[in-house]
Amino acid sequence: MKKEKIVLAFIAAIIGLLVAGIIFYIYESTKIVTPPKLTTIATVQEKTNPSKVSLTLSKPTDESVVESKVIQVSGKTKPDATIIILTSLDEKVIAPSSDGNFSATINIGDGQNLIEITAIARTGEQIKITKTVTFSTEKF
């Protein structure tokens, strides 16, 4: 008798799950989904003058090999720009002089280093230059 109750409860549970599954399937297949109302946002693109920001580098030269972990980064940009210099070990934010010249010392790590120099104008325009400098004490 006890065995029959267990089998009957198991069959009732399976039938209940099947009925619930069929009802859920019918509900999902007949459900009508209305797409959300889309609003269009107008975008205005400002015409930019490419001469608002400039960047030229005198040091370091690209793909140079140096024997010091402290190197000089220097160049010229617009006087009102902000200069950001990034390496894996160091970051500097500097302002150029009144004639646009800038200079900073940065730290680099062993082996190959990427130095990213970015000039950002007050308008938000930016120019980025990436240089590769390798630290090595070996003589070639």
C-alpha atoms as a PDB file:
ATOM      1  CA  MET A   1       0.000   0.000   0.000  1.00  0.00           C
ATOM      2  CA  LYS A   2       2.789   2.387   0.856  1.00  0.00           C
ATOM      3  CA  LYS A   3       4.513   1.636  -2.438  1.00  0.00           C
ATOM      4  CA  GLU A   4       1.337   2.442  -4.352  1.00  0.00           C
ATOM      5  CA  LYS A   5       1.021   5.830  -2.644  1.00  0.00           C
ATOM      6  CA  ILE A   6       4.597   6.724  -3.599  1.00  0.00           C
ATOM      7  CA  VAL A   7       4.059   5.705  -7.245  1.00  0.00           C
ATOM      8  CA  LEU A   8       0.732   7.580  -7.356  1.00  0.00           C
ATOM      9  CA  ALA A   9       2.360  10.732  -5.880  1.00  0.00           C
ATOM     10  CA  PHE A  10       5.173  10.506  -8.435  1.00  0.00           C
ATOM     11  CA  ILE A  11       2.708  10.148 -11.354  1.00  0.00           C
ATOM     12  CA  ALA A  12       0.625  13.065 -10.034  1.00  0.00           C
ATOM     13  CA  ALA A  13       3.752  15.265  -9.818  1.00  0.00           C
ATOM     14  CA  ILE A  14       4.755  14.446 -13.401  1.00  0.00           C
ATOM     15  CA  ILE A  15       1.235  15.136 -14.703  1.00  0.00           C
ATOM     16  CA  GLY A  16       1.172  18.435 -12.771  1.00  0.00           C
ATOM     17  CA  LEU A  17       4.510  19.482 -14.276  1.00  0.00           C
ATOM     18  CA  LEU A  18       3.338  18.572 -17.778  1.00  0.00           C
ATOM     19  CA  VAL A  19       0.083  20.539 -17.393  1.00  0.00           C
ATOM     20  CA  ALA A  20       1.967  23.555 -15.997  1.00  0.00           C
ATOM     21  CA  GLY A  21       4.489  23.363 -18.856  1.00  0.00           C
ATOM     22  CA  ILE A  22       1.738  23.198 -21.499  1.00  0.00           C
ATOM     23  CA  ILE A  23      -0.098  26.167 -19.973  1.00  0.00           C
ATOM     24  CA  PHE A  24       3.121  28.192 -19.778  1.00  0.00           C
ATOM     25  CA  TYR A  25       3.953  27.365 -23.425  1.00  0.00           C
ATOM     26  CA  ILE A  26       0.482  28.440 -24.583  1.00  0.00           C
ATOM     27  CA  TYR A  27       0.751  31.653 -22.559  1.00  0.00           C
ATOM     28  CA  GLU A  28       4.175  32.547 -24.000  1.00  0.00           C
ATOM     29  CA  SER A  29       3.231  31.722 -27.598  1.00  0.00           C
ATOM     30  CA  THR A  30       0.053  33.838 -27.529  1.00  0.00           C
ATOM     31  CA  LYS A  31       1.524  36.785 -25.661  1.00  0.00           C
ATOM     32  CA  ILE A  32       1.675  39.965 -27.781  1.00  0.00           C
ATOM     33  CA  VAL A  33       4.703  42.096 -27.140  1.00  0.00           C
ATOM     34  CA  THR A  34       4.393  45.725 -28.110  1.00  0.00           C
ATOM     35  CA  PRO A  35       7.681  47.334 -29.053  1.00  0.00           C
ATOM     36  CA  PRO A  36       8.778  50.168 -26.793  1.00  0.00           C
ATOM     37  CA  LYS A  37       8.230  53.682 -27.995  1.00  0.00           C
ATOM     38  CA  LEU A  38      11.475  54.963 -29.442  1.00  0.00           C
ATOM     39  CA  THR A  39      12.435  58.567 -29.104  1.00  0.00           C
ATOM     40  CA  THR A  40      14.857  60.105 -31.535  1.00  0.00           C
ATOM     41  CA  ILE A  41      17.564  62.261 -30.107  1.00  0.00           C
ATOM     42  CA  ALA A  42      18.955  64.770 -32.530  1.00  0.00           C
ATOM     43  CA  THR A  43      22.720  64.879 -32.628  1.00  0.00           C
ATOM     44  CA  VAL A  44      24.602  67.952 -33.627  1.00  0.00           C
ATOM     45  CA  GLN A  45      28.146  67.541 -34.779  1.00  0.00           C
ATOM     46  CA  GLU A  46      30.344  70.541 -34.264  1.00  0.00           C
ATOM     47  CA  LYS A  47      32.627  71.299 -37.152  1.00  0.00           C
ATOM     48  CA  THR A  48      36.095  71.317 -35.732  1.00  0.00           C
ATOM     49  CA  ASN A  49      39.057  73.263 -36.908  1.00  0.00           C
ATOM     50  CA  PRO A  50      41.953  70.800 -37.131  1.00  0.00           C
ATOM     51  CA  SER A  51      44.394  73.550 -36.196  1.00  0.00           C
ATOM     52  CA  LYS A  52      42.980  73.943 -32.654  1.00  0.00           C
ATOM     53  CA  VAL A  53      45.371  71.364 -31.238  1.00  0.00           C
ATOM     54  CA  SER A  54      48.770  70.217 -32.461  1.00  0.00           C
ATOM     55  CA  LEU A  55      51.551  68.052 -31.076  1.00  0.00           C
ATOM     56  CA  THR A  56      55.144  67.531 -32.173  1.00  0.00           C
ATOM     57  CA  LEU A  57      57.752  65.620 -30.186  1.00  0.00           C
ATOM     58  CA  SER A  58      61.477  66.245 -30.148  1.00  0.00           C
ATOM     59  CA  LYS A  59      62.301  63.627 -27.484  1.00  0.00           C
ATOM     60  CA  PRO A  60      62.217  60.639 -27.289  1.00  0.00           C
ATOM     61  CA  THR A  61      62.661  59.269 -30.781  1.00  0.00           C
ATOM     62  CA  ASP A  62      60.540  56.283 -31.739  1.00  0.00           C
ATOM     63  CA  GLU A  63      62.084  52.832 -31.247  1.00  0.00           C
ATOM     64  CA  SER A  64      65.118  54.229 -29.451  1.00  0.00           C
ATOM     65  CA  VAL A  65      67.224  52.229 -26.982  1.00  0.00           C
ATOM     66  CA  VAL A  66      68.183  54.008 -23.758  1.00  0.00           C
ATOM     67  CA  GLU A  67      70.449  53.105 -20.832  1.00  0.00           C
ATOM     68  CA  SER A  68      68.524  55.045 -18.186  1.00  0.00           C
ATOM     69  CA  LYS A  69      65.131  54.342 -16.649  1.00  0.00           C
ATOM     70  CA  VAL A  70      64.475  58.095 -16.383  1.00  0.00           C
ATOM     71  CA  ILE A  71      64.001  59.784 -19.753  1.00  0.00           C
ATOM     72  CA  GLN A  72      63.089  63.229 -21.006  1.00  0.00           C
ATOM     73  CA  VAL A  73      59.895  63.823 -23.022  1.00  0.00           C
ATOM     74  CA  SER A  74      59.761  67.186 -24.788  1.00  0.00           C
ATOM     75  CA  GLY A  75      57.969  68.811 -27.663  1.00  0.00           C
ATOM     76  CA  LYS A  76      55.650  71.592 -28.726  1.00  0.00           C
ATOM     77  CA  THR A  77      51.889  72.121 -28.773  1.00  0.00           C
ATOM     78  CA  LYS A  78      49.385  74.967 -28.482  1.00  0.00           C
ATOM     79  CA  PRO A  79      49.980  77.111 -25.364  1.00  0.00           C
ATOM     80  CA  ASP A  80      46.472  76.490 -23.979  1.00  0.00           C
ATOM     81  CA  ALA A  81      46.614  72.693 -24.351  1.00  0.00           C
ATOM     82  CA  THR A  82      47.110  70.135 -21.589  1.00  0.00           C
ATOM     83  CA  ILE A  83      49.709  67.394 -22.044  1.00  0.00           C
ATOM     84  CA  ILE A  84      49.248  63.897 -20.600  1.00  0.00           C
ATOM     85  CA  ILE A  85      52.224  61.522 -20.658  1.00  0.00           C
ATOM     86  CA  LEU A  86      51.578  57.856 -19.783  1.00  0.00           C
ATOM     87  CA  THR A  87      53.869  54.871 -19.347  1.00  0.00           C
ATOM     88  CA  SER A  88      53.284  51.592 -17.566  1.00  0.00           C
ATOM     89  CA  LEU A  89      55.069  53.021 -14.497  1.00  0.00           C
ATOM     90  CA  ASP A  90      54.432  56.752 -14.628  1.00  0.00           C
ATOM     91  CA  GLU A  91      51.875  59.371 -15.593  1.00  0.00           C
ATOM     92  CA  LYS A  92      52.288  63.117 -15.823  1.00  0.00           C
ATOM     93  CA  VAL A  93      49.864  65.920 -16.573  1.00  0.00           C
ATOM     94  CA  ILE A  94      51.651  69.108 -17.541  1.00  0.00           C
ATOM     95  CA  ALA A  95      50.876  72.489 -19.054  1.00  0.00           C
ATOM     96  CA  PRO A  96      53.084  73.864 -21.826  1.00  0.00           C
ATOM     97  CA  SER A  97      54.846  77.217 -21.546  1.00  0.00           C
ATOM     98  CA  SER A  98      53.450  80.391 -23.133  1.00  0.00           C
ATOM     99  CA  ASP A  99      55.175  79.523 -26.418  1.00  0.00           C
ATOM    100  CA  GLY A 100      53.819  75.932 -26.392  1.00  0.00           C
ATOM    101  CA  ASN A 101      57.025  74.110 -25.445  1.00  0.00           C
ATOM    102  CA  PHE A 102      56.841  71.381 -22.821  1.00  0.00           C
ATOM    103  CA  SER A 103      59.258  69.035 -21.109  1.00  0.00           C
ATOM    104  CA  ALA A 104      58.964  66.360 -18.425  1.00  0.00           C
ATOM    105  CA  THR A 105      60.988  63.475 -17.035  1.00  0.00           C
ATOM    106  CA  ILE A 106      59.282  60.097 -16.794  1.00  0.00           C
ATOM    107  CA  ASN A 107      60.161  56.653 -15.491  1.00  0.00           C
ATOM    108  CA  ILE A 108      60.211  53.593 -17.730  1.00  0.00           C
ATOM    109  CA  GLY A 109      60.543  49.902 -16.968  1.00  0.00           C
ATOM    110  CA  ASP A 110      62.848  47.147 -18.172  1.00  0.00           C
ATOM    111  CA  GLY A 111      62.656  46.124 -21.809  1.00  0.00           C
ATOM    112  CA  GLN A 112      60.228  47.673 -24.264  1.00  0.00           C
ATOM    113  CA  ASN A 113      58.052  50.592 -23.077  1.00  0.00           C
ATOM    114  CA  LEU A 114      55.173  52.366 -24.775  1.00  0.00           C
ATOM    115  CA  ILE A 115      55.016  56.079 -24.070  1.00  0.00           C
ATOM    116  CA  GLU A 116      51.701  57.717 -24.892  1.00  0.00           C
ATOM    117  CA  ILE A 117      51.703  61.505 -25.207  1.00  0.00           C
ATOM    118  CA  THR A 118      48.320  63.223 -25.591  1.00  0.00           C
ATOM    119  CA  ALA A 119      47.635  66.917 -26.172  1.00  0.00           C
ATOM    120  CA  ILE A 120      44.117  68.042 -25.263  1.00  0.00           C
ATOM    121  CA  ALA A 121      42.814  71.452 -26.341  1.00  0.00           C
ATOM    122  CA  ARG A 122      40.298  73.436 -24.296  1.00  0.00           C
ATOM    123  CA  THR A 123      37.645  72.477 -26.857  1.00  0.00           C
ATOM    124  CA  GLY A 124      38.154  68.798 -26.016  1.00  0.00           C
ATOM    125  CA  GLU A 125      39.971  67.939 -29.228  1.00  0.00           C
ATOM    126  CA  GLN A 126      42.980  65.731 -28.751  1.00  0.00           C
ATOM    127  CA  ILE A 127      45.980  64.341 -30.565  1.00  0.00           C
ATOM    128  CA  LYS A 128      47.842  61.266 -29.365  1.00  0.00           C
ATOM    129  CA  ILE A 129      51.355  60.117 -30.271  1.00  0.00           C
ATOM    130  CA  THR A 130      52.781  56.789 -29.116  1.00  0.00           C
ATOM    131  CA  LYS A 131      56.528  56.164 -28.983  1.00  0.00           C
ATOM    132  CA  THR A 132      58.340  52.922 -28.239  1.00  0.00           C
ATOM    133  CA  VAL A 133      61.470  53.183 -26.096  1.00  0.00           C
ATOM    134  CA  THR A 134      63.519  50.182 -24.987  1.00  0.00           C
ATOM    135  CA  PHE A 135      65.588  50.145 -21.791  1.00  0.00           C
ATOM    136  CA  SER A 136      68.750  48.059 -22.090  1.00  0.00           C
ATOM    137  CA  THR A 137      72.207  48.207 -20.514  1.00  0.00           C
ATOM    138  CA  GLU A 138      73.717  45.831 -23.089  1.00  0.00           C
ATOM    139  CA  LYS A 139      76.265  47.209 -25.529  1.00  0.00           C
ATOM    140  CA  PHE A 140      75.549  46.592 -29.216  1.00  0.00           C
END
